[in-house]
Amino acid sequence: MIRMIVTFVLIGSGLFILGIATLGVFRFDNVLNRIHVAAKCDTMGAVLFLSGLAVWAGLSLATLKLVLIIVFLWISNPVAAHLIARTEFQTNAALIEKCDTIDAEDNSG
């Protein structure tokens, strides 16, 4: 019974965070803001959702696979978001006018 409650709380929290991330991607107009909300919330939402599935599965081979997926997402999602943001920063010349904190000298690479 307790395992079921923990599972539903984790899966529900993960789905809630993924829903908020979807709204955030549509709400923000700047590419860097969209990447930020997508990377942070997708990583946390997926980790919570997969953790809920791992709790539901108990101690089994499926749990080991879910833990490996969680570790892979923890490593790859922030790195991919950083590379996308860096590419956007280097290729979008109009980004300097949109962002207040970016100096023209920082865009050299």
Protein backbone atom coordinates (compact mmCIF):
# COMPACT_ATOMS: atom_id res chain seq x y z
CA MET A 1 0.00 0.00 0.00
CA ILE A 2 2.79 2.43 0.90
CA ARG A 3 4.69 1.51 -2.27
CA MET A 4 1.61 2.32 -4.34
CA ILE A 5 1.20 5.72 -2.68
CA VAL A 6 4.87 6.59 -3.18
CA THR A 7 4.59 5.46 -6.81
CA PHE A 8 1.53 7.63 -7.48
CA VAL A 9 3.12 10.65 -5.78
CA LEU A 10 6.33 10.31 -7.81
CA ILE A 11 4.55 9.71 -11.12
CA GLY A 12 2.04 12.50 -10.42
CA SER A 13 4.83 14.93 -9.52
CA GLY A 14 6.74 13.99 -12.66
CA LEU A 15 3.70 14.52 -14.87
CA PHE A 16 2.97 17.85 -13.19
CA ILE A 17 6.51 19.10 -13.78
CA LEU A 18 6.45 17.92 -17.40
CA GLY A 19 3.15 19.78 -17.88
CA ILE A 20 4.61 22.95 -16.40
CA ALA A 21 7.61 22.60 -18.72
CA THR A 22 5.30 22.36 -21.71
CA LEU A 23 3.51 25.54 -20.68
CA GLY A 24 6.84 27.25 -20.07
CA VAL A 25 8.13 26.41 -23.52
CA PHE A 26 5.06 28.03 -25.07
CA ARG A 27 5.10 31.01 -22.70
CA PHE A 28 8.67 32.23 -23.20
CA ASP A 29 9.62 34.02 -26.40
CA ASN A 30 13.41 33.84 -26.19
CA VAL A 31 15.14 30.66 -27.35
CA LEU A 32 17.53 30.60 -24.40
CA ASN A 33 14.65 30.84 -21.93
CA ARG A 34 12.84 28.00 -23.67
CA ILE A 35 15.93 25.82 -23.59
CA HIS A 36 16.42 26.57 -19.90
CA VAL A 37 12.89 25.63 -18.86
CA ALA A 38 12.88 22.56 -21.08
CA ALA A 39 16.21 21.25 -19.79
CA LYS A 40 15.49 21.80 -16.11
CA CYS A 41 11.91 20.61 -16.03
CA ASP A 42 12.30 17.73 -18.47
CA THR A 43 15.20 16.32 -16.50
CA MET A 44 13.39 16.57 -13.17
CA GLY A 45 10.03 15.41 -14.54
CA ALA A 46 11.52 12.38 -16.27
CA VAL A 47 13.57 11.46 -13.19
CA LEU A 48 10.51 11.62 -10.94
CA PHE A 49 8.37 9.67 -13.40
CA LEU A 50 11.00 6.95 -13.89
CA SER A 51 11.64 6.82 -10.14
CA GLY A 52 7.95 6.14 -9.64
CA LEU A 53 8.13 3.31 -12.15
CA ALA A 54 11.20 1.93 -10.37
CA VAL A 55 9.39 1.96 -7.03
CA TRP A 56 6.43 0.22 -8.64
CA ALA A 57 8.67 -2.49 -10.15
CA GLY A 58 10.38 -3.27 -6.85
CA LEU A 59 13.79 -4.91 -6.82
CA SER A 60 14.16 -6.46 -10.26
CA LEU A 61 16.06 -6.23 -13.51
CA ALA A 62 13.52 -3.65 -14.71
CA THR A 63 14.47 -1.39 -11.80
CA LEU A 64 18.14 -1.60 -12.76
CA LYS A 65 17.25 -0.61 -16.32
CA LEU A 66 15.17 2.32 -15.09
CA VAL A 67 18.02 3.50 -12.86
CA LEU A 68 20.41 3.34 -15.81
CA ILE A 69 17.96 5.40 -17.89
CA ILE A 70 17.76 7.97 -15.06
CA VAL A 71 21.56 8.24 -14.91
CA PHE A 72 21.75 8.62 -18.69
CA LEU A 73 19.10 11.37 -18.66
CA TRP A 74 20.86 13.17 -15.79
CA ILE A 75 24.05 13.26 -17.81
CA SER A 76 22.82 13.78 -21.36
CA ASN A 77 19.91 16.22 -21.04
CA PRO A 78 21.81 19.15 -19.45
CA VAL A 79 24.77 18.63 -21.78
CA ALA A 80 22.54 18.64 -24.86
CA ALA A 81 20.71 21.75 -23.66
CA HIS A 82 24.02 23.51 -23.06
CA LEU A 83 25.25 22.67 -26.55
CA ILE A 84 22.02 23.87 -28.14
CA ALA A 85 22.16 27.14 -26.17
CA ARG A 86 25.81 27.65 -27.06
CA THR A 87 25.08 27.09 -30.75
CA GLU A 88 22.17 29.54 -30.60
CA PHE A 89 24.38 32.11 -28.91
CA GLN A 90 27.10 31.78 -31.53
CA THR A 91 24.84 31.78 -34.59
CA ASN A 92 22.10 34.28 -33.67
CA ALA A 93 23.43 37.81 -34.09
CA ALA A 94 20.09 39.33 -33.05
CA LEU A 95 20.39 37.72 -29.62
CA ILE A 96 22.65 40.53 -28.42
CA GLU A 97 19.85 43.08 -28.82
CA LYS A 98 17.32 40.86 -27.03
CA CYS A 99 19.40 40.00 -23.95
CA ASP A 100 20.45 42.69 -21.51
CA THR A 101 23.33 40.82 -19.92
CA ILE A 102 25.20 39.81 -23.08
CA ASP A 103 27.97 42.15 -24.21
CA ALA A 104 29.02 42.40 -27.84
CA GLU A 105 32.54 41.28 -26.87
CA ASP A 106 31.23 38.00 -25.41
CA ASN A 107 29.90 36.89 -28.80
CA SER A 108 33.39 36.29 -30.18
CA GLY A 109 33.24 32.58 -29.36
